[in-house]
């Protein structure tokens, strides 16, 4: 008992003799060392808006990048024709660097290739964009200069034409110098129909047709549409159904098949479904 009392006494004396220390936190984001400064600060009240925020018009990626709807529409159409009509097709065409997969070529065709082949196709699309943007800005410069505006008007007459058949019906022709394509669109109030002849994009001026693209489509409502695409030389048909649930949320169903056992792409039947949310 005596030893236990002595041990307790020594421990207590040590505890009493231990100096009291205060800890100080180092300066850190979100912490303050003193409340005195906070008392003197002035704060501004934030008033939150009441009701839903105004809905801004929806814009595609190309429309957000390029401040020209016509140019953005041309780039989007060319990209879809080359890499896939829907986001699901475009995601499937992305190359895996470790295996051989289906790769989309300049004519909207699919062939067995590698990641290098896929990168080459993206390079071709980038070159087309550069040529088209140069042509677009040159047109703006020539059109705004009265002394050489005649050259722009001649170019427009050569590349664009429209023939009126009857009220509400016409035929529009459009030749693209940058993409070396000729598009024919019979315009009517019921459905969309177009034929596009793809020639060698690296060649200056019309030449041999490499592929003919057909499209027939119709918007049944403001949210639901159906489009049928056909590559004539490759004998591949594609049906695309799209439902736009909200301005930023949509769903698609794609059905691909071939109408001939012969073609320059892999023969296959493909079904793709996708949901898309745009940020």
Protein backbone atom coordinates (compact mmCIF):
# COMPACT_ATOMS: atom_id res chain seq x y z
CA UNK A 1 0.00 0.00 0.00
CA UNK A 2 2.88 2.33 0.85
CA UNK A 3 4.43 1.85 -2.59
CA UNK A 4 1.12 2.43 -4.31
CA UNK A 5 0.61 5.69 -2.38
CA UNK A 6 4.12 6.82 -3.24
CA UNK A 7 3.57 6.05 -6.94
CA UNK A 8 0.33 7.99 -6.96
CA UNK A 9 1.99 10.93 -5.22
CA UNK A 10 4.82 11.04 -7.72
CA UNK A 11 2.42 10.83 -10.62
CA UNK A 12 0.21 13.59 -9.24
CA UNK A 13 3.11 15.90 -8.57
CA UNK A 14 4.36 15.39 -12.10
CA UNK A 15 0.91 16.15 -13.49
CA UNK A 16 0.65 19.34 -11.44
CA UNK A 17 4.15 20.43 -12.35
CA UNK A 18 3.65 19.91 -16.08
CA UNK A 19 3.58 23.32 -17.86
CA UNK A 20 0.37 24.32 -19.63
CA UNK A 21 0.81 24.82 -23.38
CA UNK A 22 -1.58 26.29 -25.94
CA UNK A 23 -1.70 25.07 -29.53
CA UNK A 24 -2.04 27.50 -32.45
CA UNK A 25 -3.31 26.31 -35.79
CA UNK A 26 -1.30 27.35 -38.80
CA UNK A 27 -3.08 29.65 -41.27
CA UNK A 28 -5.31 27.60 -43.55
CA UNK A 29 -7.86 28.39 -46.21
CA UNK A 30 -11.27 28.67 -44.61
CA UNK A 31 -9.97 29.30 -41.06
CA UNK A 32 -9.23 32.51 -39.20
CA UNK A 33 -6.99 33.10 -36.18
CA UNK A 34 -9.26 35.64 -34.53
CA UNK A 35 -12.93 36.57 -34.56
CA UNK A 36 -12.18 40.25 -34.04
CA UNK A 37 -11.58 40.92 -37.73
CA UNK A 38 -14.73 39.07 -38.70
CA UNK A 39 -16.87 41.36 -36.56
CA UNK A 40 -15.79 44.40 -38.55
CA UNK A 41 -16.47 42.92 -41.99
CA UNK A 42 -19.41 44.02 -44.12
CA UNK A 43 -21.39 41.41 -46.01
CA UNK A 44 -23.63 41.80 -49.05
CA UNK A 45 -26.87 39.90 -49.15
CA UNK A 46 -27.36 37.63 -52.16
CA UNK A 47 -30.92 37.57 -53.46
CA UNK A 48 -31.74 34.33 -55.27
CA UNK A 49 -34.09 34.53 -58.27
CA UNK A 50 -37.62 33.32 -57.77
CA UNK A 51 -39.03 30.83 -60.28
CA UNK A 52 -37.33 28.81 -63.03
CA UNK A 53 -34.29 30.19 -64.81
CA UNK A 54 -34.78 31.30 -68.42
CA UNK A 55 -34.10 28.53 -70.94
CA UNK A 56 -31.36 29.44 -73.39
CA UNK A 57 -31.71 28.13 -76.95
CA UNK A 58 -30.05 24.75 -77.39
CA UNK A 59 -26.91 24.73 -79.55
CA UNK A 60 -24.87 21.84 -80.85
CA UNK A 61 -21.13 21.58 -80.26
CA UNK A 62 -20.39 22.96 -83.72
CA UNK A 63 -22.79 25.88 -83.17
CA UNK A 64 -21.07 26.77 -79.90
CA UNK A 65 -17.65 26.74 -81.55
CA UNK A 66 -18.53 28.47 -84.82
CA UNK A 67 -20.71 31.55 -84.72
CA UNK A 68 -22.39 30.69 -88.01
CA UNK A 69 -25.32 28.28 -88.24
CA UNK A 70 -24.71 27.37 -91.89
CA UNK A 71 -21.04 26.57 -91.29
CA UNK A 72 -21.85 24.59 -88.13
CA UNK A 73 -24.52 22.60 -90.00
CA UNK A 74 -22.08 21.74 -92.80
CA UNK A 75 -19.42 20.57 -90.34
CA UNK A 76 -21.93 18.50 -88.35
CA UNK A 77 -23.32 16.83 -91.49
CA UNK A 78 -19.83 16.05 -92.80
CA UNK A 79 -18.76 14.65 -89.41
CA UNK A 80 -21.84 12.42 -89.16
CA UNK A 81 -21.40 11.20 -92.71
CA UNK A 82 -17.77 10.30 -92.01
CA UNK A 83 -17.87 8.97 -88.43
CA UNK A 84 -21.49 7.95 -87.81
CA UNK A 85 -24.97 9.43 -87.92
CA UNK A 86 -25.55 9.07 -84.17
CA UNK A 87 -23.38 9.42 -81.11
CA UNK A 88 -23.58 5.66 -80.63
CA UNK A 89 -22.11 5.06 -84.08
CA UNK A 90 -19.42 7.68 -83.47
CA UNK A 91 -18.48 6.07 -80.15
CA UNK A 92 -18.29 2.65 -81.80
CA UNK A 93 -16.01 3.97 -84.54
CA UNK A 94 -13.41 5.17 -82.01
CA UNK A 95 -10.37 2.98 -82.52
CA UNK A 96 -8.95 0.67 -79.87
CA UNK A 97 -5.14 0.99 -79.97
CA UNK A 98 -4.66 -2.71 -79.15
CA UNK A 99 -6.97 -4.47 -81.62
CA UNK A 100 -8.25 -4.10 -85.17
CA UNK A 101 -11.77 -2.66 -85.31
CA UNK A 102 -14.20 -1.10 -87.76
CA UNK A 103 -13.04 2.35 -88.83
CA UNK A 104 -15.02 4.93 -90.80
CA UNK A 105 -13.35 6.32 -93.91
CA UNK A 106 -13.81 9.57 -95.82
CA UNK A 107 -16.87 8.27 -97.69
CA UNK A 108 -18.75 7.26 -94.58
CA UNK A 109 -17.67 3.64 -95.05
CA UNK A 110 -16.42 1.11 -92.52
CA UNK A 111 -13.34 -1.03 -93.04
CA UNK A 112 -10.91 -3.10 -90.98
CA UNK A 113 -8.24 -0.77 -89.63
CA UNK A 114 -6.11 0.28 -86.71
CA UNK A 115 -5.95 3.32 -84.47
CA UNK A 116 -3.54 4.89 -86.97
CA UNK A 117 -6.12 4.52 -89.74
CA UNK A 118 -8.73 6.15 -87.53
CA UNK A 119 -6.37 9.03 -86.78
CA UNK A 120 -5.75 9.49 -90.50
CA UNK A 121 -9.50 9.87 -91.08
CA UNK A 122 -9.68 12.51 -88.37
CA UNK A 123 -6.77 14.26 -90.07
CA UNK A 124 -8.72 14.30 -93.35
CA UNK A 125 -11.72 15.80 -91.59
CA UNK A 126 -9.51 18.48 -90.00
CA UNK A 127 -8.07 19.34 -93.42
CA UNK A 128 -11.59 19.73 -94.79
CA UNK A 129 -12.50 22.07 -91.92
CA UNK A 130 -9.44 24.22 -92.62
CA UNK A 131 -10.30 24.47 -96.33
CA UNK A 132 -13.94 25.26 -95.57
CA UNK A 133 -13.13 27.94 -92.99
CA UNK A 134 -10.66 29.53 -95.40
CA UNK A 135 -13.29 29.53 -98.13
CA UNK A 136 -15.92 30.91 -95.72
CA UNK A 137 -13.75 33.82 -94.57
CA UNK A 138 -12.59 34.55 -98.11
CA UNK A 139 -16.23 34.73 -99.21
CA UNK A 140 -16.99 37.20 -96.41
CA UNK A 141 -14.06 39.39 -97.44
CA UNK A 142 -14.91 39.35 -101.14
CA UNK A 143 -18.62 39.92 -100.49
CA UNK A 144 -17.91 42.97 -98.34
CA UNK A 145 -15.54 44.52 -100.90
CA UNK A 146 -17.52 46.21 -103.71
CA UNK A 147 -14.60 46.18 -106.13
CA UNK A 148 -14.35 42.36 -106.20
CA UNK A 149 -17.88 41.42 -105.16
CA UNK A 150 -18.59 40.27 -108.73
CA UNK A 151 -16.21 37.33 -108.22
CA UNK A 152 -18.24 36.20 -105.20
CA UNK A 153 -21.51 36.43 -107.15
CA UNK A 154 -20.06 34.33 -109.98
CA UNK A 155 -18.92 31.69 -107.46
CA UNK A 156 -22.38 31.61 -105.89
CA UNK A 157 -24.04 31.12 -109.28
CA UNK A 158 -21.71 28.21 -110.02
CA UNK A 159 -22.01 26.48 -106.63
CA UNK A 160 -25.68 27.12 -105.81
CA UNK A 161 -28.83 26.91 -107.86
CA UNK A 162 -32.54 26.56 -107.17
CA UNK A 163 -35.33 25.62 -109.58
CA UNK A 164 -38.93 26.34 -108.54
CA UNK A 165 -41.34 23.63 -109.66
CA UNK A 166 -44.55 24.85 -108.01
CA UNK A 167 -45.53 26.72 -104.84
CA UNK A 168 -43.80 24.92 -101.95
CA UNK A 169 -41.79 22.65 -104.25
CA UNK A 170 -38.32 23.30 -105.65
CA UNK A 171 -35.01 21.61 -106.40
CA UNK A 172 -31.85 22.96 -104.77
CA UNK A 173 -28.34 22.16 -106.00
CA UNK A 174 -25.22 22.92 -103.99
CA UNK A 175 -21.62 22.22 -104.99
CA UNK A 176 -18.96 22.36 -102.26
CA UNK A 177 -15.51 23.45 -103.43
CA UNK A 178 -13.93 22.50 -100.10
CA UNK A 179 -15.43 19.01 -99.87
CA UNK A 180 -15.80 18.38 -103.63
CA UNK A 181 -19.40 17.21 -103.22
CA UNK A 182 -22.58 17.86 -105.19
CA UNK A 183 -25.84 17.85 -103.25
CA UNK A 184 -29.31 17.70 -104.81
CA UNK A 185 -32.31 18.38 -102.57
CA UNK A 186 -35.91 18.28 -103.83
CA UNK A 187 -37.65 20.57 -101.31
CA UNK A 188 -41.23 19.73 -100.33
CA UNK A 189 -43.37 20.22 -97.20
CA UNK A 190 -43.72 16.50 -96.40
CA UNK A 191 -40.30 14.91 -96.04
CA UNK A 192 -36.56 15.47 -96.49
CA UNK A 193 -34.89 13.96 -99.53
CA UNK A 194 -31.34 14.48 -100.74
CA UNK A 195 -28.67 12.90 -102.92
CA UNK A 196 -24.99 13.66 -102.32
CA UNK A 197 -22.24 12.72 -104.77
CA UNK A 198 -18.87 12.41 -103.05
CA UNK A 199 -15.85 13.00 -105.28
CA UNK A 200 -12.17 12.98 -104.43
CA UNK A 201 -11.80 15.66 -101.72
CA UNK A 202 -8.12 16.23 -102.52
CA UNK A 203 -8.92 16.94 -106.16
CA UNK A 204 -9.67 20.46 -107.35
CA UNK A 205 -12.97 20.45 -109.21
CA UNK A 206 -15.46 17.71 -110.06
CA UNK A 207 -14.23 14.24 -110.96
CA UNK A 208 -15.17 10.60 -110.64
CA UNK A 209 -17.85 9.88 -108.06
CA UNK A 210 -16.47 7.75 -105.20
CA UNK A 211 -19.78 7.27 -103.38
CA UNK A 212 -23.40 8.32 -103.65
CA UNK A 213 -25.27 9.02 -100.43
CA UNK A 214 -29.09 8.89 -100.34
CA UNK A 215 -31.23 10.21 -97.51
CA UNK A 216 -34.97 10.16 -96.89
CA UNK A 217 -36.32 11.52 -93.61
CA UNK A 218 -39.36 12.92 -91.91
CA UNK A 219 -40.08 14.66 -88.61
CA UNK A 220 -43.34 13.19 -87.37
CA UNK A 221 -43.49 15.51 -84.34
CA UNK A 222 -41.30 18.25 -82.93
CA UNK A 223 -39.45 15.57 -80.94
CA UNK A 224 -39.55 12.36 -83.00
CA UNK A 225 -37.91 11.87 -86.41
CA UNK A 226 -36.88 8.99 -88.67
CA UNK A 227 -34.16 9.00 -91.34
CA UNK A 228 -33.13 6.36 -93.85
CA UNK A 229 -29.58 6.53 -95.27
CA UNK A 230 -28.15 4.47 -98.10
CA UNK A 231 -24.63 4.25 -99.54
CA UNK A 232 -25.12 3.12 -103.12
CA UNK A 233 -21.65 1.83 -104.03
CA UNK A 234 -21.19 0.09 -100.68
CA UNK A 235 -24.80 -1.21 -100.59
CA UNK A 236 -25.32 -0.35 -96.92
CA UNK A 237 -28.64 0.94 -95.53
CA UNK A 238 -29.14 2.60 -92.15
CA UNK A 239 -32.35 3.53 -90.35
CA UNK A 240 -32.03 6.11 -87.56
CA UNK A 241 -34.88 6.85 -85.13
CA UNK A 242 -34.42 9.84 -82.80
CA UNK A 243 -36.54 11.00 -79.87
CA UNK A 244 -35.69 14.39 -78.34
CA UNK A 245 -37.06 14.10 -74.81
CA UNK A 246 -35.77 17.52 -73.69
CA UNK A 247 -33.54 20.11 -75.35
CA UNK A 248 -30.50 18.41 -73.78
CA UNK A 249 -31.64 14.78 -73.47
CA UNK A 250 -32.28 12.47 -76.43
CA UNK A 251 -32.37 8.82 -77.44
CA UNK A 252 -31.60 7.08 -80.74
CA UNK A 253 -32.01 3.66 -82.29
CA UNK A 254 -29.84 2.75 -85.30
CA UNK A 255 -30.38 -0.29 -87.54
CA UNK A 256 -27.67 -1.00 -90.14
CA UNK A 257 -27.69 -3.73 -92.79
CA UNK A 258 -26.26 -4.42 -96.24
CA UNK A 259 -28.23 -5.10 -99.39
CA UNK A 260 -25.46 -6.94 -101.22
CA UNK A 261 -22.77 -9.43 -100.23
CA UNK A 262 -20.24 -7.30 -102.09
CA UNK A 263 -18.93 -3.91 -100.96
CA UNK A 264 -15.84 -2.14 -99.74
CA UNK A 265 -16.86 -2.44 -96.08
CA UNK A 266 -17.44 -5.34 -93.74
CA UNK A 267 -20.78 -7.10 -94.29
CA UNK A 268 -22.73 -7.05 -91.02
CA UNK A 269 -26.09 -6.34 -89.41
CA UNK A 270 -25.77 -3.81 -86.59
CA UNK A 271 -28.21 -2.53 -83.99
CA UNK A 272 -27.22 0.38 -81.75
CA UNK A 273 -29.24 2.20 -79.07
CA UNK A 274 -28.09 5.25 -77.16
CA UNK A 275 -29.14 7.90 -74.66
CA UNK A 276 -27.45 11.30 -74.77
CA UNK A 277 -27.24 14.12 -72.28
CA UNK A 278 -25.70 17.38 -73.45
CA UNK A 279 -23.94 19.57 -70.89
